[in-house]
Full PDB file with SEQRES, HELIX, SHEET, SSBOND, CRYST1, ORIGX, SCALE, CONECT and MASTER records, all heavy atoms in Angstrom:
SEQRES   1 A   44  ILE ASN ALA MET GLY TRP TYR ARG GLN ALA PRO GLY LYS          
SEQRES   2 A   44  GLN ARG GLU LEU VAL ALA ALA ILE THR ARG GLY GLY THR          
SEQRES   3 A   44  THR LYS TYR ALA ASP SER VAL LEU GLY ARG PHE THR ILE          
SEQRES   4 A   44  SER ARG ASP SER ALA                                          
SHEET    1 AA1 3 ALA A   3  ARG A   8  0                                        
SHEET    2 AA1 3 GLU A  16  THR A  22 -1                                        
SHEET    3 AA1 3 THR A  27  TYR A  29 -1                                        
CRYST1    1.000    1.000    1.000  90.00  90.00  90.00 P 1           1          
ORIGX1      1.000000  0.000000  0.000000        0.00000                         
ORIGX2      0.000000  1.000000  0.000000        0.00000                         
ORIGX3      0.000000  0.000000  1.000000        0.00000                         
SCALE1      1.000000  0.000000  0.000000        0.00000                         
SCALE2      0.000000  1.000000  0.000000        0.00000                         
SCALE3      0.000000  0.000000  1.000000        0.00000                         
ATOM      1  N   ILE A   1      22.251  39.345 -13.036  1.00  0.00           N  
ATOM      2  CA  ILE A   1      21.615  38.079 -13.087  1.00  0.00           C  
ATOM      3  C   ILE A   1      22.396  37.051 -13.759  1.00  0.00           C  
ATOM      4  O   ILE A   1      22.793  37.194 -14.844  1.00  0.00           O  
ATOM      5  CB  ILE A   1      20.184  38.152 -13.664  1.00  0.00           C  
ATOM      6  CG1 ILE A   1      19.232  39.009 -12.866  1.00  0.00           C  
ATOM      7  CG2 ILE A   1      19.652  36.708 -13.873  1.00  0.00           C  
ATOM      8  CD1 ILE A   1      18.986  38.426 -11.447  1.00  0.00           C  
ATOM      9  N   ASN A   2      22.763  35.994 -13.058  1.00  0.00           N  
ATOM     10  CA  ASN A   2      23.668  34.966 -13.593  1.00  0.00           C  
ATOM     11  C   ASN A   2      22.828  33.765 -14.090  1.00  0.00           C  
ATOM     12  O   ASN A   2      23.189  33.047 -14.994  1.00  0.00           O  
ATOM     13  CB  ASN A   2      24.599  34.513 -12.568  1.00  0.00           C  
ATOM     14  CG  ASN A   2      25.691  35.557 -12.338  1.00  0.00           C  
ATOM     15  OD1 ASN A   2      26.099  36.206 -13.259  1.00  0.00           O  
ATOM     16  ND2 ASN A   2      26.108  35.683 -11.120  1.00  0.00           N  
ATOM     17  N   ALA A   3      21.735  33.446 -13.503  1.00  0.00           N  
ATOM     18  CA  ALA A   3      20.886  32.202 -13.865  1.00  0.00           C  
ATOM     19  C   ALA A   3      19.469  32.588 -13.934  1.00  0.00           C  
ATOM     20  O   ALA A   3      18.946  33.358 -13.177  1.00  0.00           O  
ATOM     21  CB  ALA A   3      21.155  31.104 -12.841  1.00  0.00           C  
ATOM     22  N   MET A   4      18.909  31.979 -14.989  1.00  0.00           N  
ATOM     23  CA  MET A   4      17.478  32.219 -15.232  1.00  0.00           C  
ATOM     24  C   MET A   4      16.935  30.851 -15.610  1.00  0.00           C  
ATOM     25  O   MET A   4      17.548  30.048 -16.191  1.00  0.00           O  
ATOM     26  CB  MET A   4      17.141  33.235 -16.289  1.00  0.00           C  
ATOM     27  CG  MET A   4      17.630  34.487 -15.953  1.00  0.00           C  
ATOM     28  SD  MET A   4      17.201  35.823 -17.246  1.00  0.00           S  
ATOM     29  CE  MET A   4      15.536  36.023 -16.819  1.00  0.00           C  
ATOM     30  N   GLY A   5      15.602  30.653 -15.225  1.00  0.00           N  
ATOM     31  CA  GLY A   5      14.945  29.360 -15.448  1.00  0.00           C  
ATOM     32  C   GLY A   5      13.438  29.435 -15.525  1.00  0.00           C  
ATOM     33  O   GLY A   5      12.890  30.449 -15.228  1.00  0.00           O  
ATOM     34  N   TRP A   6      12.922  28.299 -15.982  1.00  0.00           N  
ATOM     35  CA  TRP A   6      11.485  28.163 -16.031  1.00  0.00           C  
ATOM     36  C   TRP A   6      11.028  26.963 -15.107  1.00  0.00           C  
ATOM     37  O   TRP A   6      11.485  25.946 -15.253  1.00  0.00           O  
ATOM     38  CB  TRP A   6      11.019  27.933 -17.540  1.00  0.00           C  
ATOM     39  CG  TRP A   6      11.140  29.138 -18.318  1.00  0.00           C  
ATOM     40  CD1 TRP A   6      12.292  29.403 -19.234  1.00  0.00           C  
ATOM     41  CD2 TRP A   6      10.145  30.090 -18.555  1.00  0.00           C  
ATOM     42  NE1 TRP A   6      11.908  30.550 -19.819  1.00  0.00           N  
ATOM     43  CE2 TRP A   6      10.720  30.987 -19.462  1.00  0.00           C  
ATOM     44  CE3 TRP A   6       8.859  30.382 -17.992  1.00  0.00           C  
ATOM     45  CZ2 TRP A   6      10.090  32.140 -19.906  1.00  0.00           C  
ATOM     46  CZ3 TRP A   6       8.214  31.547 -18.340  1.00  0.00           C  
ATOM     47  CH2 TRP A   6       8.802  32.443 -19.311  1.00  0.00           C  
ATOM     48  N   TYR A   7      10.016  27.280 -14.360  1.00  0.00           N  
ATOM     49  CA  TYR A   7       9.357  26.262 -13.525  1.00  0.00           C  
ATOM     50  C   TYR A   7       7.818  26.175 -14.096  1.00  0.00           C  
ATOM     51  O   TYR A   7       7.465  27.135 -14.703  1.00  0.00           O  
ATOM     52  CB  TYR A   7       9.356  26.629 -12.097  1.00  0.00           C  
ATOM     53  CG  TYR A   7      10.758  26.422 -11.422  1.00  0.00           C  
ATOM     54  CD1 TYR A   7      11.755  27.296 -11.732  1.00  0.00           C  
ATOM     55  CD2 TYR A   7      10.995  25.304 -10.545  1.00  0.00           C  
ATOM     56  CE1 TYR A   7      13.102  27.112 -11.107  1.00  0.00           C  
ATOM     57  CE2 TYR A   7      12.166  25.220  -9.920  1.00  0.00           C  
ATOM     58  CZ  TYR A   7      13.270  26.095 -10.180  1.00  0.00           C  
ATOM     59  OH  TYR A   7      14.443  25.935  -9.638  1.00  0.00           O  
ATOM     60  N   ARG A   8       7.292  25.021 -13.637  1.00  0.00           N  
ATOM     61  CA  ARG A   8       5.789  24.952 -14.005  1.00  0.00           C  
ATOM     62  C   ARG A   8       5.101  24.256 -12.833  1.00  0.00           C  
ATOM     63  O   ARG A   8       5.650  23.411 -12.162  1.00  0.00           O  
ATOM     64  CB  ARG A   8       5.569  24.230 -15.331  1.00  0.00           C  
ATOM     65  CG  ARG A   8       5.920  22.784 -15.280  1.00  0.00           C  
ATOM     66  CD  ARG A   8       5.820  22.251 -16.750  1.00  0.00           C  
ATOM     67  NE  ARG A   8       6.142  20.750 -16.702  1.00  0.00           N  
ATOM     68  CZ  ARG A   8       6.170  20.010 -17.763  1.00  0.00           C  
ATOM     69  NH1 ARG A   8       5.883  20.655 -19.053  1.00  0.00           N  
ATOM     70  NH2 ARG A   8       6.463  18.726 -17.698  1.00  0.00           N  
ATOM     71  N   GLN A   9       3.778  24.573 -12.741  1.00  0.00           N  
ATOM     72  CA  GLN A   9       3.090  23.955 -11.654  1.00  0.00           C  
ATOM     73  C   GLN A   9       1.711  23.668 -12.182  1.00  0.00           C  
ATOM     74  O   GLN A   9       1.037  24.569 -12.689  1.00  0.00           O  
ATOM     75  CB  GLN A   9       2.926  24.837 -10.503  1.00  0.00           C  
ATOM     76  CG  GLN A   9       2.211  24.148  -9.200  1.00  0.00           C  
ATOM     77  CD  GLN A   9       2.449  24.969  -7.959  1.00  0.00           C  
ATOM     78  OE1 GLN A   9       2.753  26.079  -8.004  1.00  0.00           O  
ATOM     79  NE2 GLN A   9       2.291  24.263  -6.853  1.00  0.00           N  
ATOM     80  N   ALA A  10       1.205  22.448 -12.113  1.00  0.00           N  
ATOM     81  CA  ALA A  10      -0.018  22.026 -12.620  1.00  0.00           C  
ATOM     82  C   ALA A  10      -0.929  21.871 -11.308  1.00  0.00           C  
ATOM     83  O   ALA A  10      -0.392  21.597 -10.202  1.00  0.00           O  
ATOM     84  CB  ALA A  10      -0.006  20.599 -13.212  1.00  0.00           C  
ATOM     85  N   PRO A  11      -2.251  21.933 -11.361  1.00  0.00           N  
ATOM     86  CA  PRO A  11      -3.124  21.878 -10.251  1.00  0.00           C  
ATOM     87  C   PRO A  11      -2.938  20.557  -9.536  1.00  0.00           C  
ATOM     88  O   PRO A  11      -2.840  19.459 -10.052  1.00  0.00           O  
ATOM     89  CB  PRO A  11      -4.447  21.917 -10.897  1.00  0.00           C  
ATOM     90  CG  PRO A  11      -4.342  22.707 -12.107  1.00  0.00           C  
ATOM     91  CD  PRO A  11      -3.021  22.238 -12.679  1.00  0.00           C  
ATOM     92  N   GLY A  12      -2.688  20.705  -8.106  1.00  0.00           N  
ATOM     93  CA  GLY A  12      -2.506  19.574  -7.359  1.00  0.00           C  
ATOM     94  C   GLY A  12      -1.131  19.007  -7.398  1.00  0.00           C  
ATOM     95  O   GLY A  12      -0.844  17.884  -6.751  1.00  0.00           O  
ATOM     96  N   LYS A  13      -0.278  19.534  -8.041  1.00  0.00           N  
ATOM     97  CA  LYS A  13       1.163  19.067  -8.157  1.00  0.00           C  
ATOM     98  C   LYS A  13       2.145  20.165  -7.679  1.00  0.00           C  
ATOM     99  O   LYS A  13       1.900  21.297  -7.599  1.00  0.00           O  
ATOM    100  CB  LYS A  13       1.427  18.689  -9.513  1.00  0.00           C  
ATOM    101  CG  LYS A  13       0.500  17.629 -10.078  1.00  0.00           C  
ATOM    102  CD  LYS A  13       0.939  17.120 -11.425  1.00  0.00           C  
ATOM    103  CE  LYS A  13       0.166  15.972 -11.894  1.00  0.00           C  
ATOM    104  NZ  LYS A  13       0.559  15.478 -13.419  1.00  0.00           N  
ATOM    105  N   GLN A  14       3.270  19.674  -7.350  1.00  0.00           N  
ATOM    106  CA  GLN A  14       4.434  20.572  -6.920  1.00  0.00           C  
ATOM    107  C   GLN A  14       5.008  21.311  -8.092  1.00  0.00           C  
ATOM    108  O   GLN A  14       4.971  20.823  -9.226  1.00  0.00           O  
ATOM    109  CB  GLN A  14       5.453  19.793  -6.207  1.00  0.00           C  
ATOM    110  CG  GLN A  14       5.049  19.208  -4.924  1.00  0.00           C  
ATOM    111  CD  GLN A  14       6.136  18.543  -4.130  1.00  0.00           C  
ATOM    112  OE1 GLN A  14       7.128  17.959  -4.679  1.00  0.00           O  
ATOM    113  NE2 GLN A  14       6.140  18.583  -2.758  1.00  0.00           N  
ATOM    114  N   ARG A  15       5.578  22.418  -7.863  1.00  0.00           N  
ATOM    115  CA  ARG A  15       6.241  23.196  -8.804  1.00  0.00           C  
ATOM    116  C   ARG A  15       7.657  22.500  -9.147  1.00  0.00           C  
ATOM    117  O   ARG A  15       8.275  22.062  -8.286  1.00  0.00           O  
ATOM    118  CB  ARG A  15       6.535  24.577  -8.321  1.00  0.00           C  
ATOM    119  CG  ARG A  15       7.133  25.596  -9.379  1.00  0.00           C  
ATOM    120  CD  ARG A  15       7.153  27.032  -8.931  1.00  0.00           C  
ATOM    121  NE  ARG A  15       5.930  27.524  -8.535  1.00  0.00           N  
ATOM    122  CZ  ARG A  15       5.635  28.798  -8.149  1.00  0.00           C  
ATOM    123  NH1 ARG A  15       6.671  29.615  -8.069  1.00  0.00           N  
ATOM    124  NH2 ARG A  15       4.449  29.230  -7.787  1.00  0.00           N  
ATOM    125  N   GLU A  16       7.880  22.375 -10.393  1.00  0.00           N  
ATOM    126  CA  GLU A  16       8.943  21.673 -10.819  1.00  0.00           C  
ATOM    127  C   GLU A  16       9.833  22.504 -11.859  1.00  0.00           C  
ATOM    128  O   GLU A  16       9.366  23.262 -12.607  1.00  0.00           O  
ATOM    129  CB  GLU A  16       8.589  20.361 -11.560  1.00  0.00           C  
ATOM    130  CG  GLU A  16       7.698  20.522 -12.858  1.00  0.00           C  
ATOM    131  CD  GLU A  16       7.549  19.206 -13.513  1.00  0.00           C  
ATOM    132  OE1 GLU A  16       8.090  18.127 -13.125  1.00  0.00           O  
ATOM    133  OE2 GLU A  16       6.745  19.162 -14.455  1.00  0.00           O  
ATOM    134  N   LEU A  17      11.133  22.262 -11.819  1.00  0.00           N  
ATOM    135  CA  LEU A  17      11.954  22.827 -12.812  1.00  0.00           C  
ATOM    136  C   LEU A  17      11.708  22.301 -14.188  1.00  0.00           C  
ATOM    137  O   LEU A  17      11.738  21.066 -14.410  1.00  0.00           O  
ATOM    138  CB  LEU A  17      13.476  22.710 -12.396  1.00  0.00           C  
ATOM    139  CG  LEU A  17      14.522  23.095 -13.270  1.00  0.00           C  
ATOM    140  CD1 LEU A  17      14.464  24.732 -13.409  1.00  0.00           C  
ATOM    141  CD2 LEU A  17      15.843  22.739 -12.983  1.00  0.00           C  
ATOM    142  N   VAL A  18      11.593  23.080 -15.128  1.00  0.00           N  
ATOM    143  CA  VAL A  18      11.453  22.794 -16.530  1.00  0.00           C  
ATOM    144  C   VAL A  18      12.716  22.907 -17.284  1.00  0.00           C  
ATOM    145  O   VAL A  18      13.244  21.963 -17.918  1.00  0.00           O  
ATOM    146  CB  VAL A  18      10.346  23.619 -17.182  1.00  0.00           C  
ATOM    147  CG1 VAL A  18      10.381  23.212 -18.720  1.00  0.00           C  
ATOM    148  CG2 VAL A  18       9.063  23.475 -16.578  1.00  0.00           C  
ATOM    149  N   ALA A  19      13.331  24.023 -17.169  1.00  0.00           N  
ATOM    150  CA  ALA A  19      14.737  24.276 -17.844  1.00  0.00           C  
ATOM    151  C   ALA A  19      15.357  25.462 -17.127  1.00  0.00           C  
ATOM    152  O   ALA A  19      14.732  26.398 -16.597  1.00  0.00           O  
ATOM    153  CB  ALA A  19      14.512  24.526 -19.269  1.00  0.00           C  
ATOM    154  N   ALA A  20      16.744  25.533 -17.290  1.00  0.00           N  
ATOM    155  CA  ALA A  20      17.436  26.660 -16.638  1.00  0.00           C  
ATOM    156  C   ALA A  20      18.625  26.899 -17.542  1.00  0.00           C  
ATOM    157  O   ALA A  20      19.234  25.923 -18.167  1.00  0.00           O  
ATOM    158  CB  ALA A  20      17.793  26.329 -15.201  1.00  0.00           C  
ATOM    159  N   ILE A  21      19.189  28.011 -17.431  1.00  0.00           N  
ATOM    160  CA  ILE A  21      20.361  28.484 -18.200  1.00  0.00           C  
ATOM    161  C   ILE A  21      21.262  29.341 -17.375  1.00  0.00           C  
ATOM    162  O   ILE A  21      20.644  30.284 -16.642  1.00  0.00           O  
ATOM    163  CB  ILE A  21      20.039  29.125 -19.607  1.00  0.00           C  
ATOM    164  CG1 ILE A  21      21.297  29.255 -20.390  1.00  0.00           C  
ATOM    165  CG2 ILE A  21      19.206  30.372 -19.337  1.00  0.00           C  
ATOM    166  CD1 ILE A  21      21.038  29.622 -21.857  1.00  0.00           C  
ATOM    167  N   THR A  22      22.534  29.202 -17.395  1.00  0.00           N  
ATOM    168  CA  THR A  22      23.461  30.053 -16.567  1.00  0.00           C  
ATOM    169  C   THR A  22      23.978  31.119 -17.517  1.00  0.00           C  
ATOM    170  O   THR A  22      23.848  31.167 -18.716  1.00  0.00           O  
ATOM    171  CB  THR A  22      24.617  29.264 -15.858  1.00  0.00           C  
ATOM    172  OG1 THR A  22      25.457  28.719 -17.002  1.00  0.00           O  
ATOM    173  CG2 THR A  22      24.052  28.152 -15.125  1.00  0.00           C  
ATOM    174  N   ARG A  23      24.801  32.089 -16.889  1.00  0.00           N  
ATOM    175  CA  ARG A  23      25.444  33.131 -17.631  1.00  0.00           C  
ATOM    176  C   ARG A  23      26.470  32.482 -18.545  1.00  0.00           C  
ATOM    177  O   ARG A  23      26.612  32.954 -19.701  1.00  0.00           O  
ATOM    178  CB  ARG A  23      26.188  34.080 -16.667  1.00  0.00           C  
ATOM    179  CG  ARG A  23      26.994  35.180 -17.325  1.00  0.00           C  
ATOM    180  CD  ARG A  23      26.089  36.131 -18.000  1.00  0.00           C  
ATOM    181  NE  ARG A  23      25.499  36.970 -16.801  1.00  0.00           N  
ATOM    182  CZ  ARG A  23      24.733  38.151 -17.034  1.00  0.00           C  
ATOM    183  NH1 ARG A  23      24.430  38.562 -18.220  1.00  0.00           N  
ATOM    184  NH2 ARG A  23      24.221  38.841 -16.016  1.00  0.00           N  
ATOM    185  N   GLY A  24      27.063  31.439 -18.155  1.00  0.00           N  
ATOM    186  CA  GLY A  24      28.020  30.749 -19.093  1.00  0.00           C  
ATOM    187  C   GLY A  24      27.501  29.848 -20.139  1.00  0.00           C  
ATOM    188  O   GLY A  24      28.185  29.209 -20.897  1.00  0.00           O  
ATOM    189  N   GLY A  25      26.127  29.837 -20.161  1.00  0.00           N  
ATOM    190  CA  GLY A  25      25.428  28.953 -21.110  1.00  0.00           C  
ATOM    191  C   GLY A  25      25.107  27.543 -20.849  1.00  0.00           C  
ATOM    192  O   GLY A  25      24.545  26.811 -21.650  1.00  0.00           O  
ATOM    193  N   THR A  26      25.415  27.029 -19.650  1.00  0.00           N  
ATOM    194  CA  THR A  26      25.127  25.802 -19.262  1.00  0.00           C  
ATOM    195  C   THR A  26      23.642  25.598 -19.029  1.00  0.00           C  
ATOM    196  O   THR A  26      22.897  26.498 -18.441  1.00  0.00           O  
ATOM    197  CB  THR A  26      25.759  25.503 -17.936  1.00  0.00           C  
ATOM    198  OG1 THR A  26      27.273  25.510 -18.042  1.00  0.00           O  
ATOM    199  CG2 THR A  26      25.437  24.068 -17.562  1.00  0.00           C  
ATOM    200  N   THR A  27      23.079  24.622 -19.595  1.00  0.00           N  
ATOM    201  CA  THR A  27      21.575  24.378 -19.562  1.00  0.00           C  
ATOM    202  C   THR A  27      21.174  23.133 -18.827  1.00  0.00           C  
ATOM    203  O   THR A  27      22.076  22.184 -18.716  1.00  0.00           O  
ATOM    204  CB  THR A  27      20.988  24.292 -20.994  1.00  0.00           C  
ATOM    205  OG1 THR A  27      21.577  23.358 -21.759  1.00  0.00           O  
ATOM    206  CG2 THR A  27      21.148  25.644 -21.800  1.00  0.00           C  
ATOM    207  N   LYS A  28      19.967  23.102 -18.281  1.00  0.00           N  
ATOM    208  CA  LYS A  28      19.540  22.014 -17.604  1.00  0.00           C  
ATOM    209  C   LYS A  28      18.078  21.809 -18.010  1.00  0.00           C  
ATOM    210  O   LYS A  28      17.329  22.805 -18.038  1.00  0.00           O  
ATOM    211  CB  LYS A  28      19.598  22.179 -16.106  1.00  0.00           C  
ATOM    212  CG  LYS A  28      19.125  21.025 -15.274  1.00  0.00           C  
ATOM    213  CD  LYS A  28      19.159  21.270 -13.782  1.00  0.00           C  
ATOM    214  CE  LYS A  28      18.657  20.204 -12.960  1.00  0.00           C  
ATOM    215  NZ  LYS A  28      19.446  18.935 -13.181  1.00  0.00           N  
ATOM    216  N   TYR A  29      17.651  20.532 -18.271  1.00  0.00           N  
ATOM    217  CA  TYR A  29      16.216  20.238 -18.563  1.00  0.00           C  
ATOM    218  C   TYR A  29      15.751  19.179 -17.813  1.00  0.00           C  
ATOM    219  O   TYR A  29      16.416  18.223 -17.471  1.00  0.00           O  
ATOM    220  CB  TYR A  29      16.145  19.989 -20.090  1.00  0.00           C  
ATOM    221  CG  TYR A  29      16.558  21.040 -21.046  1.00  0.00           C  
ATOM    222  CD1 TYR A  29      17.840  21.039 -21.592  1.00  0.00           C  
ATOM    223  CD2 TYR A  29      15.562  22.009 -21.486  1.00  0.00           C  
ATOM    224  CE1 TYR A  29      18.146  22.086 -22.488  1.00  0.00           C  
ATOM    225  CE2 TYR A  29      15.845  22.965 -22.341  1.00  0.00           C  
ATOM    226  CZ  TYR A  29      17.283  23.010 -22.903  1.00  0.00           C  
ATOM    227  OH  TYR A  29      17.492  24.072 -23.677  1.00  0.00           O  
ATOM    228  N   ALA A  30      14.357  19.182 -17.533  1.00  0.00           N  
ATOM    229  CA  ALA A  30      13.713  18.099 -16.987  1.00  0.00           C  
ATOM    230  C   ALA A  30      13.645  17.035 -17.992  1.00  0.00           C  
ATOM    231  O   ALA A  30      13.515  17.289 -19.160  1.00  0.00           O  
ATOM    232  CB  ALA A  30      12.286  18.549 -16.499  1.00  0.00           C  
ATOM    233  N   ASP A  31      13.696  15.759 -17.588  1.00  0.00           N  
ATOM    234  CA  ASP A  31      13.674  14.648 -18.395  1.00  0.00           C  
ATOM    235  C   ASP A  31      12.373  14.667 -19.307  1.00  0.00           C  
ATOM    236  O   ASP A  31      12.411  14.268 -20.550  1.00  0.00           O  
ATOM    237  CB  ASP A  31      13.638  13.346 -17.653  1.00  0.00           C  
ATOM    238  CG  ASP A  31      15.142  13.044 -17.007  1.00  0.00           C  
ATOM    239  OD1 ASP A  31      16.049  13.709 -17.437  1.00  0.00           O  
ATOM    240  OD2 ASP A  31      15.124  12.229 -16.207  1.00  0.00           O  
ATOM    241  N   SER A  32      11.308  15.134 -18.833  1.00  0.00           N  
ATOM    242  CA  SER A  32      10.047  15.208 -19.540  1.00  0.00           C  
ATOM    243  C   SER A  32       9.913  16.000 -20.737  1.00  0.00           C  
ATOM    244  O   SER A  32       9.071  15.994 -21.531  1.00  0.00           O  
ATOM    245  CB  SER A  32       8.912  15.466 -18.514  1.00  0.00           C  
ATOM    246  OG  SER A  32       9.067  16.728 -17.976  1.00  0.00           O  
ATOM    247  N   VAL A  33      10.896  17.100 -20.762  1.00  0.00           N  
ATOM    248  CA  VAL A  33      10.889  17.991 -21.827  1.00  0.00           C  
ATOM    249  C   VAL A  33      12.149  17.986 -22.578  1.00  0.00           C  
ATOM    250  O   VAL A  33      12.280  18.729 -23.670  1.00  0.00           O  
ATOM    251  CB  VAL A  33      10.685  19.561 -21.272  1.00  0.00           C  
ATOM    252  CG1 VAL A  33       9.560  19.497 -20.382  1.00  0.00           C  
ATOM    253  CG2 VAL A  33      11.963  19.955 -20.511  1.00  0.00           C  
ATOM    254  N   LEU A  34      13.128  17.157 -22.230  1.00  0.00           N  
ATOM    255  CA  LEU A  34      14.394  17.018 -22.913  1.00  0.00           C  
ATOM    256  C   LEU A  34      14.090  16.743 -24.503  1.00  0.00           C  
ATOM    257  O   LEU A  34      13.339  15.718 -24.700  1.00  0.00           O  
ATOM    258  CB  LEU A  34      15.315  16.037 -22.349  1.00  0.00           C  
ATOM    259  CG  LEU A  34      16.645  15.927 -22.894  1.00  0.00           C  
ATOM    260  CD1 LEU A  34      17.478  17.308 -22.500  1.00  0.00           C  
ATOM    261  CD2 LEU A  34      17.529  14.824 -22.133  1.00  0.00           C  
ATOM    262  N   GLY A  35      14.717  17.499 -25.363  1.00  0.00           N  
ATOM    263  CA  GLY A  35      14.504  17.276 -26.813  1.00  0.00           C  
ATOM    264  C   GLY A  35      13.333  17.942 -27.436  1.00  0.00           C  
ATOM    265  O   GLY A  35      13.160  18.053 -28.640  1.00  0.00           O  
ATOM    266  N   ARG A  36      12.514  18.466 -26.509  1.00  0.00           N  
ATOM    267  CA  ARG A  36      11.284  19.075 -27.104  1.00  0.00           C  
ATOM    268  C   ARG A  36      11.273  20.686 -26.756  1.00  0.00           C  
ATOM    269  O   ARG A  36      10.795  21.466 -27.530  1.00  0.00           O  
ATOM    270  CB  ARG A  36      10.052  18.599 -26.454  1.00  0.00           C  
ATOM    271  CG  ARG A  36       9.672  17.112 -26.832  1.00  0.00           C  
ATOM    272  CD  ARG A  36       8.358  16.714 -26.256  1.00  0.00           C  
ATOM    273  NE  ARG A  36       8.233  16.696 -24.914  1.00  0.00           N  
ATOM    274  CZ  ARG A  36       7.335  17.446 -24.209  1.00  0.00           C  
ATOM    275  NH1 ARG A  36       6.454  18.217 -24.950  1.00  0.00           N  
ATOM    276  NH2 ARG A  36       7.250  17.492 -22.973  1.00  0.00           N  
ATOM    277  N   PHE A  37      11.852  21.061 -25.598  1.00  0.00           N  
ATOM    278  CA  PHE A  37      12.062  22.356 -25.194  1.00  0.00           C  
ATOM    279  C   PHE A  37      13.478  22.875 -25.374  1.00  0.00           C  
ATOM    280  O   PHE A  37      14.378  22.161 -25.114  1.00  0.00           O  
ATOM    281  CB  PHE A  37      11.451  22.481 -23.631  1.00  0.00           C  
ATOM    282  CG  PHE A  37      10.037  22.306 -23.456  1.00  0.00           C  
ATOM    283  CD1 PHE A  37       9.297  21.821 -24.429  1.00  0.00           C  
ATOM    284  CD2 PHE A  37       9.516  22.638 -22.159  1.00  0.00           C  
ATOM    285  CE1 PHE A  37       7.864  21.579 -24.161  1.00  0.00           C  
ATOM    286  CE2 PHE A  37       8.161  22.481 -21.959  1.00  0.00           C  
ATOM    287  CZ  PHE A  37       7.337  21.954 -23.024  1.00  0.00           C  
ATOM    288  N   THR A  38      13.650  24.170 -25.543  1.00  0.00           N  
ATOM    289  CA  THR A  38      14.902  24.895 -25.775  1.00  0.00           C  
ATOM    290  C   THR A  38      14.804  26.099 -24.860  1.00  0.00           C  
ATOM    291  O   THR A  38      14.004  27.077 -25.168  1.00  0.00           O  
ATOM    292  CB  THR A  38      15.273  25.105 -27.117  1.00  0.00           C  
ATOM    293  OG1 THR A  38      15.340  23.865 -27.835  1.00  0.00           O  
ATOM    294  CG2 THR A  38      16.695  25.684 -27.132  1.00  0.00           C  
ATOM    295  N   ILE A  39      15.762  26.319 -23.854  1.00  0.00           N  
ATOM    296  CA  ILE A  39      15.857  27.601 -23.185  1.00  0.00           C  
ATOM    297  C   ILE A  39      17.106  28.398 -23.779  1.00  0.00           C  
ATOM    298  O   ILE A  39      18.032  27.875 -24.168  1.00  0.00           O  
ATOM    299  CB  ILE A  39      16.064  27.277 -21.618  1.00  0.00           C  
ATOM    300  CG1 ILE A  39      15.905  28.557 -20.937  1.00  0.00           C  
ATOM    301  CG2 ILE A  39      17.384  26.676 -21.469  1.00  0.00           C  
ATOM    302  CD1 ILE A  39      15.832  28.426 -19.465  1.00  0.00           C  
ATOM    303  N   SER A  40      16.837  29.741 -23.897  1.00  0.00           N  
ATOM    304  CA  SER A  40      17.831  30.687 -24.209  1.00  0.00           C  
ATOM    305  C   SER A  40      17.658  31.928 -23.518  1.00  0.00           C  
ATOM    306  O   SER A  40      16.631  32.163 -22.895  1.00  0.00           O  
ATOM    307  CB  SER A  40      17.808  30.803 -25.750  1.00  0.00           C  
ATOM    308  OG  SER A  40      16.527  31.414 -26.131  1.00  0.00           O  
ATOM    309  N   ARG A  41      18.704  32.819 -23.536  1.00  0.00           N  
ATOM    310  CA  ARG A  41      18.601  34.093 -22.840  1.00  0.00           C  
ATOM    311  C   ARG A  41      19.421  35.161 -23.533  1.00  0.00           C  
ATOM    312  O   ARG A  41      20.287  34.779 -24.427  1.00  0.00           O  
ATOM    313  CB  ARG A  41      19.128  33.900 -21.378  1.00  0.00           C  
ATOM    314  CG  ARG A  41      20.652  33.654 -21.174  1.00  0.00           C  
ATOM    315  CD  ARG A  41      21.109  33.538 -19.792  1.00  0.00           C  
ATOM    316  NE  ARG A  41      20.933  34.781 -19.170  1.00  0.00           N  
ATOM    317  CZ  ARG A  41      21.201  34.848 -17.785  1.00  0.00           C  
ATOM    318  NH1 ARG A  41      21.438  33.779 -17.062  1.00  0.00           N  
ATOM    319  NH2 ARG A  41      21.050  36.129 -17.194  1.00  0.00           N  
ATOM    320  N   ASP A  42      18.956  36.516 -23.271  1.00  0.00           N  
ATOM    321  CA  ASP A  42      19.565  37.535 -23.894  1.00  0.00           C  
ATOM    322  C   ASP A  42      20.329  38.338 -22.914  1.00  0.00           C  
ATOM    323  O   ASP A  42      19.933  39.421 -22.430  1.00  0.00           O  
ATOM    324  CB  ASP A  42      18.559  38.372 -24.538  1.00  0.00           C  
ATOM    325  CG  ASP A  42      19.148  39.729 -25.116  1.00  0.00           C  
ATOM    326  OD1 ASP A  42      20.290  39.679 -25.389  1.00  0.00           O  
ATOM    327  OD2 ASP A  42      18.186  40.536 -25.571  1.00  0.00           O  
ATOM    328  N   SER A  43      21.490  37.713 -22.284  1.00  0.00           N  
ATOM    329  CA  SER A  43      22.357  38.438 -21.368  1.00  0.00           C  
ATOM    330  C   SER A  43      21.608  39.075 -20.163  1.00  0.00           C  
ATOM    331  O   SER A  43      21.792  40.241 -19.854  1.00  0.00           O  
ATOM    332  CB  SER A  43      23.259  39.564 -22.062  1.00  0.00           C  
ATOM    333  OG  SER A  43      24.002  38.884 -23.098  1.00  0.00           O  
ATOM    334  N   ALA A  44      20.710  38.357 -19.551  1.00  0.00           N  
ATOM    335  CA  ALA A  44      19.997  38.813 -18.276  1.00  0.00           C  
ATOM    336  C   ALA A  44      18.854  39.674 -18.606  1.00  0.00           C  
ATOM    337  O   ALA A  44      18.143  40.036 -17.627  1.00  0.00           O  
ATOM    338  CB  ALA A  44      20.872  39.337 -17.241  1.00  0.00           C  
TER     339      ALA A  44                                                      
MASTER        0    0    0    0    3    0    0    6  338    1    0    4          
END                                                                             
């Protein structure tokens, strides 16, 4: 597994990306959670 992430879905809304991380450690965050949430992984 090279990439893992978290999505969320509230009632009546579309599923959205919250945060993701690659094998190389690159991270991505939704603007709404940036600075508040942190994603990490243990080698897949």
